Amino acid sequence: MNSTEMPVTIAIEQPHFPQEPPSLVRLVLLVDDSRLQRRILRASLERWGYAVEECGSSEEALDICRERPVDLIISDWMMPGMNGPEFCRAFRALPRDSYGYFILLTSKSETGEMVHGLDVGADEFLTKPVNANELRARIASGERILRMENQLRERNRLLSATLGELRSLYDAVDRDLVEARKLQQSLVRDRSRRFGGSEVSLLLRPCGHVGGDLVGFFPAGDGQVGLFSVDVSGHGISSAMITARLAGLLSSASAEQNIALESDADGAIHVRPPEEVVEHLNRLFHEELETEHYFTILLAVVSLDTGIMRFVQAGHPYPAIQRADGRVEFIGAGGLPVGLIPGARYEVDEARLHPGDRILMASDGITECPSPSGDQLGDEGLCALMQRNAAMRGESFLEVVMTELIDFAGRPDLPDDISAVLFEFGQAEAP
């Protein structure tokens, strides 16, 4: 015992509540240089159902705490060598997986001493001589905190395990989406093709792994070419699945596989009127596909000889014709998206392309591309973009469109799918 402190007798009174073992038995470490005081405290603690370890110095107590997880410590304040507050500070510095509850026994009652004890990490104080009811209450309070800490640690463990499983699932889904993106890109097998003196070029860039935009073309027989630009509502896997279905219906050059084509008795392939094709798609969407999605489509058939283009604009942005002299004009009369209203009717429009003219069928991801301030590119911005780059041709022009959109948005990850069909009309080549 420290010579600066008078001997203290610890009076243990019988608690006034049932002496039943606690629901959660923990290891209690008694640290006191008085063997008698340790013996008296130990008797009460073991009677209450606790496992008890004891030692006579802080240095020995630290060795015990390093070897095993001590949950609750009752330490005297005044001891030879390292005192109670110093021991508490050293205990808090030990690496532990769980919290340890620390009670200081002291004959001191000054506020400054109590504040010092709290500063070094003590949880509770008991004034000597120790009252058994008060000791039992302090331990019960500590056990509640330890139980809550244990529950929180277990929940964190379960949360970490769940997050680990979710991360594994996400990685698996991410790998599948990477493959899905490759498959969706493969739906557009040719990004450009020449038809005599004319050329078709395609742009398709989903905003995520997969998207709801689709562009394409198909030989339409009788010196004609079919062009289509589709935008399915929403983004992600469900939209991409619909675009895959539409690609199977429109991309083939075979009349048996492309609903825009038909063959006569001699086997010659002819293109169906665009309005009939879109009405067919609308019926198909309502009768066979149970989905809340809808889509817009611009379906056009261009004569490679005359440059006459017949097209249906079903909710899609207006196509832009750029004349050979650089002028840009938007054509079309709008129309309902496909899949909204059963039995909807669609009207055909017509335009005439001359050698050197070109038409751009762009998705709303281009015209509605936002700047950092929230302004959209719009038709005027698209018109200016086309005029600035009037000398660019084919895929090079579409690459410039993509670059300028990223510059306009101020970010490479654009918020919507980007797609476009560029048809550049030239004189039909002589056979």
Protein backbone atom coordinates (compact mmCIF):
# COMPACT_ATOMS: atom_id res chain seq x y z
CA MET A 1 0.00 0.00 0.00
CA ASN A 2 1.26 3.49 -0.79
CA SER A 3 2.58 5.27 2.25
CA THR A 4 0.72 8.45 1.35
CA GLU A 5 -2.69 6.85 1.81
CA MET A 6 -4.13 5.57 5.06
CA PRO A 7 -5.23 1.91 5.25
CA VAL A 8 -8.83 1.57 4.15
CA THR A 9 -11.22 -1.13 5.26
CA ILE A 10 -13.64 -2.21 2.54
CA ALA A 11 -17.07 -2.90 3.98
CA ILE A 12 -19.10 -5.32 1.86
CA GLU A 13 -22.81 -5.25 2.63
CA GLN A 14 -25.27 -7.83 1.39
CA PRO A 15 -27.02 -6.45 -1.74
CA HIS A 16 -30.79 -6.08 -1.57
CA PHE A 17 -31.49 -7.87 -4.91
CA PRO A 18 -31.40 -11.56 -5.83
CA GLN A 19 -27.97 -13.18 -5.93
CA GLU A 20 -28.36 -14.81 -9.31
CA PRO A 21 -25.53 -15.20 -11.82
CA PRO A 22 -25.63 -12.52 -14.54
CA SER A 23 -26.88 -13.53 -17.95
CA LEU A 24 -23.47 -12.73 -19.42
CA VAL A 25 -20.50 -13.94 -17.31
CA ARG A 26 -17.32 -11.96 -18.04
CA LEU A 27 -13.75 -12.00 -16.79
CA VAL A 28 -13.18 -9.37 -14.10
CA LEU A 29 -9.63 -8.29 -13.26
CA LEU A 30 -8.97 -6.96 -9.74
CA VAL A 31 -5.89 -4.75 -9.45
CA ASP A 32 -4.92 -3.68 -5.89
CA ASP A 33 -1.73 -3.84 -3.87
CA SER A 34 -3.76 -4.95 -0.83
CA ARG A 35 -4.29 -8.71 -0.84
CA LEU A 36 -7.03 -8.41 1.81
CA GLN A 37 -9.00 -5.92 -0.26
CA ARG A 38 -8.69 -8.15 -3.33
CA ARG A 39 -9.86 -11.18 -1.34
CA ILE A 40 -12.95 -9.36 -0.04
CA LEU A 41 -13.90 -8.04 -3.50
CA ARG A 42 -13.24 -11.39 -5.14
CA ALA A 43 -15.56 -13.20 -2.76
CA SER A 44 -18.45 -10.90 -3.67
CA LEU A 45 -17.74 -11.05 -7.41
CA GLU A 46 -17.57 -14.83 -7.49
CA ARG A 47 -20.76 -15.04 -5.45
CA TRP A 48 -22.42 -12.94 -8.16
CA GLY A 49 -21.25 -15.38 -10.84
CA TYR A 50 -18.22 -13.61 -12.33
CA ALA A 51 -14.90 -15.20 -13.28
CA VAL A 52 -12.19 -13.26 -11.46
CA GLU A 53 -8.45 -12.74 -12.02
CA GLU A 54 -6.40 -10.67 -9.54
CA CYS A 55 -2.96 -9.11 -9.29
CA GLY A 56 -1.11 -6.70 -7.04
CA SER A 57 0.37 -4.22 -9.52
CA SER A 58 -0.49 -2.34 -12.69
CA GLU A 59 2.52 -3.80 -14.50
CA GLU A 60 1.32 -7.35 -13.82
CA ALA A 61 -2.21 -6.36 -14.83
CA LEU A 62 -0.97 -5.08 -18.18
CA ASP A 63 0.71 -8.42 -18.86
CA ILE A 64 -2.58 -10.20 -18.13
CA CYS A 65 -4.48 -7.79 -20.42
CA ARG A 66 -2.03 -8.46 -23.24
CA GLU A 67 -2.53 -12.23 -22.95
CA ARG A 68 -6.30 -12.47 -22.66
CA PRO A 69 -9.38 -10.32 -23.34
CA VAL A 70 -10.31 -8.78 -19.98
CA ASP A 71 -13.78 -7.28 -20.15
CA LEU A 72 -14.01 -5.43 -16.84
CA ILE A 73 -11.26 -4.02 -14.62
CA ILE A 74 -11.58 -2.83 -11.03
CA SER A 75 -8.40 -0.99 -10.11
CA ASP A 76 -7.25 0.92 -7.05
CA TRP A 77 -6.16 4.50 -7.69
CA MET A 78 -3.11 4.62 -5.42
CA MET A 79 -0.58 1.80 -5.96
CA PRO A 80 3.22 1.56 -5.92
CA GLY A 81 4.85 2.13 -9.28
CA MET A 82 2.20 2.74 -11.95
CA ASN A 83 -0.94 4.15 -10.33
CA GLY A 84 -4.53 3.48 -11.37
CA PRO A 85 -4.95 6.38 -13.88
CA GLU A 86 -1.60 5.57 -15.50
CA PHE A 87 -2.63 1.93 -15.76
CA CYS A 88 -5.96 2.97 -17.31
CA ARG A 89 -4.17 5.08 -19.94
CA ALA A 90 -1.83 2.18 -20.79
CA PHE A 91 -4.79 -0.24 -20.93
CA ARG A 92 -6.64 1.99 -23.39
CA ALA A 93 -3.56 2.03 -25.63
CA LEU A 94 -3.55 -1.78 -25.98
CA PRO A 95 -4.82 -3.21 -29.30
CA ARG A 96 -8.20 -4.85 -28.63
CA ASP A 97 -11.08 -6.24 -30.65
CA SER A 98 -13.62 -5.34 -27.96
CA TYR A 99 -14.15 -2.66 -25.36
CA GLY A 100 -12.95 -3.01 -21.77
CA TYR A 101 -14.91 -1.39 -18.93
CA PHE A 102 -12.71 0.33 -16.32
CA ILE A 103 -13.74 1.16 -12.71
CA LEU A 104 -11.39 3.14 -10.46
CA LEU A 105 -11.51 2.70 -6.67
CA THR A 106 -10.51 5.82 -4.84
CA SER A 107 -10.77 7.67 -1.56
CA LYS A 108 -10.57 10.91 -3.53
CA SER A 109 -13.72 12.87 -4.20
CA GLU A 110 -12.34 16.12 -5.67
CA THR A 111 -13.81 17.10 -9.04
CA GLY A 112 -10.38 17.66 -10.58
CA GLU A 113 -9.31 14.11 -9.74
CA MET A 114 -12.50 12.70 -11.23
CA VAL A 115 -11.98 14.70 -14.43
CA HIS A 116 -8.43 13.39 -14.65
CA GLY A 117 -9.70 9.83 -14.32
CA LEU A 118 -12.22 10.38 -17.12
CA ASP A 119 -9.54 11.95 -19.30
CA VAL A 120 -7.36 8.85 -19.14
CA GLY A 121 -10.28 6.57 -20.03
CA ALA A 122 -12.01 5.47 -16.80
CA ASP A 123 -15.71 4.67 -17.12
CA GLU A 124 -16.80 4.67 -13.46
CA PHE A 125 -15.56 5.61 -9.99
CA LEU A 126 -16.26 3.96 -6.65
CA THR A 127 -15.36 5.65 -3.39
CA LYS A 128 -13.86 3.54 -0.65
CA PRO A 129 -15.10 2.02 1.56
CA VAL A 130 -16.99 0.19 -1.16
CA ASN A 131 -20.70 -0.36 -0.76
CA ALA A 132 -21.71 -3.74 -2.19
CA ASN A 133 -24.99 -2.48 -3.64
CA GLU A 134 -23.17 0.38 -5.38
CA LEU A 135 -20.44 -1.98 -6.66
CA ARG A 136 -23.03 -4.39 -8.04
CA ALA A 137 -24.91 -1.51 -9.71
CA ARG A 138 -21.70 -0.16 -11.29
CA ILE A 139 -20.81 -3.59 -12.63
CA ALA A 140 -24.34 -4.13 -13.97
CA SER A 141 -24.12 -0.76 -15.73
CA GLY A 142 -20.79 -1.75 -17.21
CA GLU A 143 -22.15 -5.09 -18.32
CA ARG A 144 -25.03 -3.40 -20.14
CA ILE A 145 -22.54 -1.25 -22.04
CA LEU A 146 -20.38 -4.26 -22.83
CA ARG A 147 -23.42 -6.20 -23.99
CA MET A 148 -24.45 -3.35 -26.28
CA GLU A 149 -20.90 -3.10 -27.58
CA ASN A 150 -20.88 -6.84 -28.22
CA GLN A 151 -24.19 -6.64 -30.06
CA LEU A 152 -22.93 -3.71 -32.11
CA ARG A 153 -19.72 -5.56 -32.92
CA GLU A 154 -21.69 -8.63 -33.99
CA ARG A 155 -23.96 -6.52 -36.15
CA ASN A 156 -20.94 -4.84 -37.69
CA ARG A 157 -19.47 -8.27 -38.36
CA LEU A 158 -22.69 -9.39 -40.02
CA LEU A 159 -22.82 -6.13 -41.95
CA SER A 160 -19.24 -6.57 -43.11
CA ALA A 161 -19.96 -10.15 -44.13
CA THR A 162 -23.10 -9.03 -45.97
CA LEU A 163 -21.21 -6.23 -47.69
CA GLY A 164 -18.55 -8.75 -48.69
CA GLU A 165 -21.20 -11.01 -50.21
CA LEU A 166 -22.83 -8.04 -51.95
CA ARG A 167 -19.43 -6.97 -53.29
CA SER A 168 -18.88 -10.47 -54.66
CA LEU A 169 -22.34 -10.43 -56.23
CA TYR A 170 -21.73 -6.96 -57.62
CA ASP A 171 -18.44 -8.06 -59.12
CA ALA A 172 -20.18 -11.04 -60.73
CA VAL A 173 -22.96 -8.81 -62.07
CA ASP A 174 -20.38 -6.29 -63.24
CA ARG A 175 -18.55 -9.00 -65.17
CA ASP A 176 -21.84 -10.11 -66.72
CA LEU A 177 -22.66 -6.52 -67.66
CA VAL A 178 -19.27 -6.11 -69.31
CA GLU A 179 -20.08 -9.14 -71.44
CA ALA A 180 -23.59 -7.80 -72.03
CA ARG A 181 -22.10 -4.54 -73.27
CA LYS A 182 -19.96 -6.48 -75.74
CA LEU A 183 -23.04 -8.37 -76.92
CA GLN A 184 -25.06 -5.18 -77.27
CA GLN A 185 -22.30 -3.52 -79.23
CA SER A 186 -22.23 -6.59 -81.47
CA LEU A 187 -25.85 -5.85 -82.42
CA VAL A 188 -24.36 -3.05 -84.51
CA ARG A 189 -22.08 -5.29 -86.54
CA ASP A 190 -21.01 -2.69 -89.10
CA ARG A 191 -20.37 0.89 -87.96
CA SER A 192 -20.24 2.08 -91.56
CA ARG A 193 -21.03 0.81 -95.03
CA ARG A 194 -21.06 2.22 -98.51
CA PHE A 195 -24.05 1.83 -100.81
CA GLY A 196 -22.74 2.93 -104.20
CA GLY A 197 -21.91 6.62 -103.84
CA SER A 198 -23.69 6.91 -100.50
CA GLU A 199 -22.48 5.95 -97.04
CA VAL A 200 -24.09 5.07 -93.70
CA SER A 201 -22.20 5.61 -90.39
CA LEU A 202 -23.39 4.70 -86.90
CA LEU A 203 -22.70 5.99 -83.37
CA LEU A 204 -23.73 4.02 -80.27
CA ARG A 205 -22.46 4.75 -76.76
CA PRO A 206 -24.51 3.62 -73.70
CA CYS A 207 -24.26 5.80 -70.59
CA GLY A 208 -23.78 2.67 -68.45
CA HIS A 209 -22.69 -0.87 -69.16
CA VAL A 210 -25.75 -1.38 -71.35
CA GLY A 211 -28.40 0.99 -72.60
CA GLY A 212 -31.67 1.39 -74.41
CA ASP A 213 -30.50 2.96 -77.67
CA LEU A 214 -30.20 1.09 -80.95
CA VAL A 215 -29.16 2.21 -84.43
CA GLY A 216 -28.82 0.27 -87.63
CA PHE A 217 -29.45 -0.10 -91.35
CA PHE A 218 -30.41 -2.83 -93.80
CA PRO A 219 -30.48 -3.26 -97.58
CA ALA A 220 -34.09 -2.78 -98.60
CA GLY A 221 -34.10 -4.14 -102.16
CA ASP A 222 -34.83 -2.21 -105.35
CA GLY A 223 -31.85 0.13 -104.78
CA GLN A 224 -33.01 1.27 -101.35
CA VAL A 225 -31.57 1.28 -97.85
CA GLY A 226 -33.45 1.20 -94.56
CA LEU A 227 -32.27 3.30 -91.59
CA PHE A 228 -33.50 3.16 -88.01
CA SER A 229 -32.78 4.88 -84.71
CA VAL A 230 -34.46 3.56 -81.55
CA ASP A 231 -34.54 4.82 -77.97
CA VAL A 232 -36.17 2.54 -75.37
CA SER A 233 -37.40 4.24 -72.20
CA GLY A 234 -35.19 3.86 -69.16
CA HIS A 235 -31.69 2.45 -68.96
CA GLY A 236 -30.00 -0.75 -67.94
CA ILE A 237 -30.67 -4.43 -68.48
CA SER A 238 -34.41 -4.39 -69.15
CA SER A 239 -34.07 -1.64 -71.75
CA ALA A 240 -31.12 -3.44 -73.34
CA MET A 241 -33.17 -6.65 -73.64
CA ILE A 242 -35.84 -4.79 -75.59
CA THR A 243 -33.23 -3.27 -77.91
CA ALA A 244 -31.89 -6.78 -78.52
CA ARG A 245 -35.40 -7.93 -79.48
CA LEU A 246 -35.82 -4.95 -81.82
CA ALA A 247 -32.41 -5.57 -83.38
CA GLY A 248 -33.57 -9.09 -84.24
CA LEU A 249 -36.66 -7.66 -85.89
CA LEU A 250 -35.03 -4.94 -87.99
CA SER A 251 -31.36 -5.66 -88.68
CA SER A 252 -31.42 -8.60 -91.06
CA ALA A 253 -31.35 -8.37 -94.84
CA SER A 254 -33.63 -11.43 -94.97
CA ALA A 255 -37.36 -10.95 -95.45
CA GLU A 256 -37.99 -13.93 -93.13
CA GLN A 257 -36.18 -12.19 -90.26
CA ASN A 258 -36.79 -8.48 -90.84
CA ILE A 259 -40.35 -7.25 -90.39
CA ALA A 260 -39.58 -4.24 -92.60
CA LEU A 261 -39.03 -6.52 -95.61
CA GLU A 262 -41.22 -8.87 -97.62
CA SER A 263 -40.63 -11.09 -100.62
CA ASP A 264 -42.89 -11.62 -103.64
CA ALA A 265 -43.71 -14.85 -105.45
CA ASP A 266 -40.48 -14.61 -107.45
CA GLY A 267 -38.41 -14.26 -104.28
CA ALA A 268 -37.59 -10.59 -104.90
CA ILE A 269 -37.27 -8.55 -101.68
CA HIS A 270 -39.30 -5.38 -101.25
CA VAL A 271 -39.49 -2.93 -98.36
CA ARG A 272 -42.77 -2.49 -96.54
CA PRO A 273 -44.12 1.03 -96.06
CA PRO A 274 -42.50 2.51 -92.89
CA GLU A 275 -45.86 3.41 -91.33
CA GLU A 276 -47.02 -0.22 -91.60
CA VAL A 277 -43.81 -1.43 -89.98
CA VAL A 278 -44.16 0.93 -87.00
CA GLU A 279 -47.83 0.02 -86.54
CA HIS A 280 -46.80 -3.65 -86.62
CA LEU A 281 -44.22 -2.97 -83.90
CA ASN A 282 -46.85 -1.22 -81.79
CA ARG A 283 -49.21 -4.21 -82.04
CA LEU A 284 -46.38 -6.60 -81.27
CA PHE A 285 -45.36 -4.57 -78.24
CA HIS A 286 -48.86 -4.64 -76.75
CA GLU A 287 -49.71 -8.23 -77.64
CA GLU A 288 -46.49 -10.05 -76.86
CA LEU A 289 -44.36 -7.94 -74.50
CA GLU A 290 -45.67 -7.39 -70.97
CA THR A 291 -43.59 -4.41 -69.98
CA GLU A 292 -43.96 -0.84 -68.80
CA HIS A 293 -41.31 0.29 -71.27
CA TYR A 294 -42.04 2.07 -74.53
CA PHE A 295 -39.71 3.29 -77.24
CA THR A 296 -39.31 6.01 -79.82
CA ILE A 297 -38.20 5.17 -83.33
CA LEU A 298 -37.22 6.96 -86.50
CA LEU A 299 -37.56 4.52 -89.41
CA ALA A 300 -36.57 5.72 -92.86
CA VAL A 301 -36.25 4.20 -96.33
CA VAL A 302 -33.99 6.07 -98.77
CA SER A 303 -33.83 5.55 -102.52
CA LEU A 304 -30.20 5.37 -103.56
CA ASP A 305 -31.16 6.57 -107.03
CA THR A 306 -33.46 9.52 -106.39
CA GLY A 307 -32.55 10.50 -102.82
CA ILE A 308 -36.21 10.41 -101.82
CA MET A 309 -36.54 9.48 -98.16
CA ARG A 310 -39.82 8.23 -96.70
CA PHE A 311 -39.82 8.07 -92.92
CA VAL A 312 -41.92 7.70 -89.78
CA GLN A 313 -41.03 9.74 -86.68
CA ALA A 314 -42.62 7.98 -83.70
CA GLY A 315 -41.74 10.19 -80.73
CA HIS A 316 -38.09 10.42 -81.82
CA PRO A 317 -36.18 13.73 -82.13
CA TYR A 318 -36.49 15.50 -85.48
CA PRO A 319 -33.98 14.33 -88.10
CA ALA A 320 -31.61 17.03 -89.34
CA ILE A 321 -30.77 17.41 -93.02
CA GLN A 322 -27.52 19.21 -93.80
CA ARG A 323 -27.43 20.42 -97.35
CA ALA A 324 -24.30 20.43 -99.46
CA ASP A 325 -23.86 24.16 -98.79
CA GLY A 326 -23.83 23.60 -95.00
CA ARG A 327 -27.39 24.72 -94.23
CA VAL A 328 -29.21 22.59 -91.62
CA GLU A 329 -32.97 22.03 -91.50
CA PHE A 330 -35.03 19.85 -89.18
CA ILE A 331 -37.84 17.84 -90.74
CA GLY A 332 -40.72 15.66 -89.52
CA ALA A 333 -44.08 16.02 -87.80
CA GLY A 334 -43.49 14.13 -84.58
CA GLY A 335 -45.78 11.25 -83.59
CA LEU A 336 -46.53 8.94 -80.68
CA PRO A 337 -43.89 6.64 -79.17
CA VAL A 338 -44.41 2.93 -79.78
CA GLY A 339 -46.02 0.95 -76.98
CA LEU A 340 -48.06 3.73 -75.36
CA ILE A 341 -51.46 3.40 -77.08
CA PRO A 342 -52.88 0.20 -78.63
CA GLY A 343 -54.01 0.68 -82.20
CA ALA A 344 -52.05 3.93 -82.66
CA ARG A 345 -51.73 5.13 -86.25
CA TYR A 346 -48.54 6.54 -87.73
CA GLU A 347 -48.07 8.86 -90.70
CA VAL A 348 -45.27 8.85 -93.22
CA ASP A 349 -43.27 11.97 -94.16
CA GLU A 350 -41.09 12.51 -97.18
CA ALA A 351 -37.95 14.48 -97.91
CA ARG A 352 -35.55 14.75 -100.86
CA LEU A 353 -31.79 14.46 -100.57
CA HIS A 354 -29.50 15.81 -103.28
CA PRO A 355 -25.93 14.75 -103.95
CA GLY A 356 -23.72 16.10 -101.16
CA ASP A 357 -26.61 16.29 -98.68
CA ARG A 358 -26.66 14.23 -95.50
CA ILE A 359 -29.15 13.40 -92.78
CA LEU A 360 -28.44 12.92 -89.07
CA MET A 361 -30.89 10.82 -87.03
CA ALA A 362 -29.83 11.58 -83.43
CA SER A 363 -31.22 10.32 -80.13
CA ASP A 364 -32.37 12.74 -77.42
CA GLY A 365 -29.17 11.95 -75.53
CA ILE A 366 -27.53 14.39 -77.96
CA THR A 367 -30.05 17.24 -78.06
CA GLU A 368 -30.79 16.97 -74.31
CA CYS A 369 -27.12 16.73 -73.28
CA PRO A 370 -26.74 19.14 -70.32
CA SER A 371 -23.95 21.63 -69.73
CA PRO A 372 -22.51 22.11 -66.20
CA SER A 373 -24.99 24.99 -65.74
CA GLY A 374 -27.94 22.77 -66.73
CA ASP A 375 -28.56 24.20 -70.20
CA GLN A 376 -29.28 21.64 -72.93
CA LEU A 377 -27.56 21.47 -76.29
CA GLY A 378 -30.93 21.57 -78.07
CA ASP A 379 -31.64 21.73 -81.79
CA GLU A 380 -29.81 25.05 -82.13
CA GLY A 381 -26.67 23.62 -80.53
CA LEU A 382 -26.82 20.55 -82.76
CA CYS A 383 -27.30 22.77 -85.82
CA ALA A 384 -24.23 24.84 -84.87
CA LEU A 385 -22.21 21.69 -84.25
CA MET A 386 -23.08 20.31 -87.69
CA GLN A 387 -22.22 23.58 -89.39
CA ARG A 388 -18.85 23.86 -87.61
CA ASN A 389 -17.97 20.36 -88.81
CA ALA A 390 -19.57 20.40 -92.26
CA ALA A 391 -16.31 19.31 -93.86
CA MET A 392 -16.02 16.19 -91.69
CA ARG A 393 -17.40 12.98 -93.16
CA GLY A 394 -18.58 9.57 -91.99
CA GLU A 395 -17.24 8.11 -88.76
CA SER A 396 -14.82 11.03 -88.33
CA PHE A 397 -17.82 13.38 -88.11
CA LEU A 398 -19.50 11.19 -85.47
CA GLU A 399 -16.28 11.08 -83.44
CA VAL A 400 -16.21 14.87 -83.47
CA VAL A 401 -19.86 14.93 -82.35
CA MET A 402 -18.94 12.74 -79.38
CA THR A 403 -15.93 14.89 -78.50
CA GLU A 404 -17.92 18.13 -78.62
CA LEU A 405 -20.70 16.63 -76.49
CA ILE A 406 -18.17 15.71 -73.79
CA ASP A 407 -16.69 19.22 -73.95
CA PHE A 408 -20.17 20.76 -73.76
CA ALA A 409 -21.12 18.61 -70.75
CA GLY A 410 -17.75 19.11 -69.06
CA ARG A 411 -17.58 15.42 -68.16
CA PRO A 412 -16.85 12.15 -69.97
CA ASP A 413 -19.67 10.21 -68.30
CA LEU A 414 -22.70 11.59 -70.09
CA PRO A 415 -26.06 11.09 -68.33
CA ASP A 416 -27.89 9.45 -71.25
CA ASP A 417 -27.21 6.99 -74.04
CA ILE A 418 -25.77 8.60 -77.17
CA SER A 419 -26.65 7.25 -80.60
CA ALA A 420 -26.96 8.52 -84.16
CA VAL A 421 -27.30 7.43 -87.77
CA LEU A 422 -25.51 9.51 -90.39
CA PHE A 423 -26.53 8.95 -94.02
CA GLU A 424 -24.51 10.83 -96.64
CA PHE A 425 -26.09 10.84 -100.09
CA GLY A 426 -24.09 10.66 -103.31
CA GLN A 427 -24.77 9.95 -106.93
CA ALA A 428 -25.62 6.34 -107.67
CA GLU A 429 -22.66 4.57 -109.23
CA ALA A 430 -23.01 3.37 -112.80
CA PRO A 431 -23.27 -0.42 -113.16
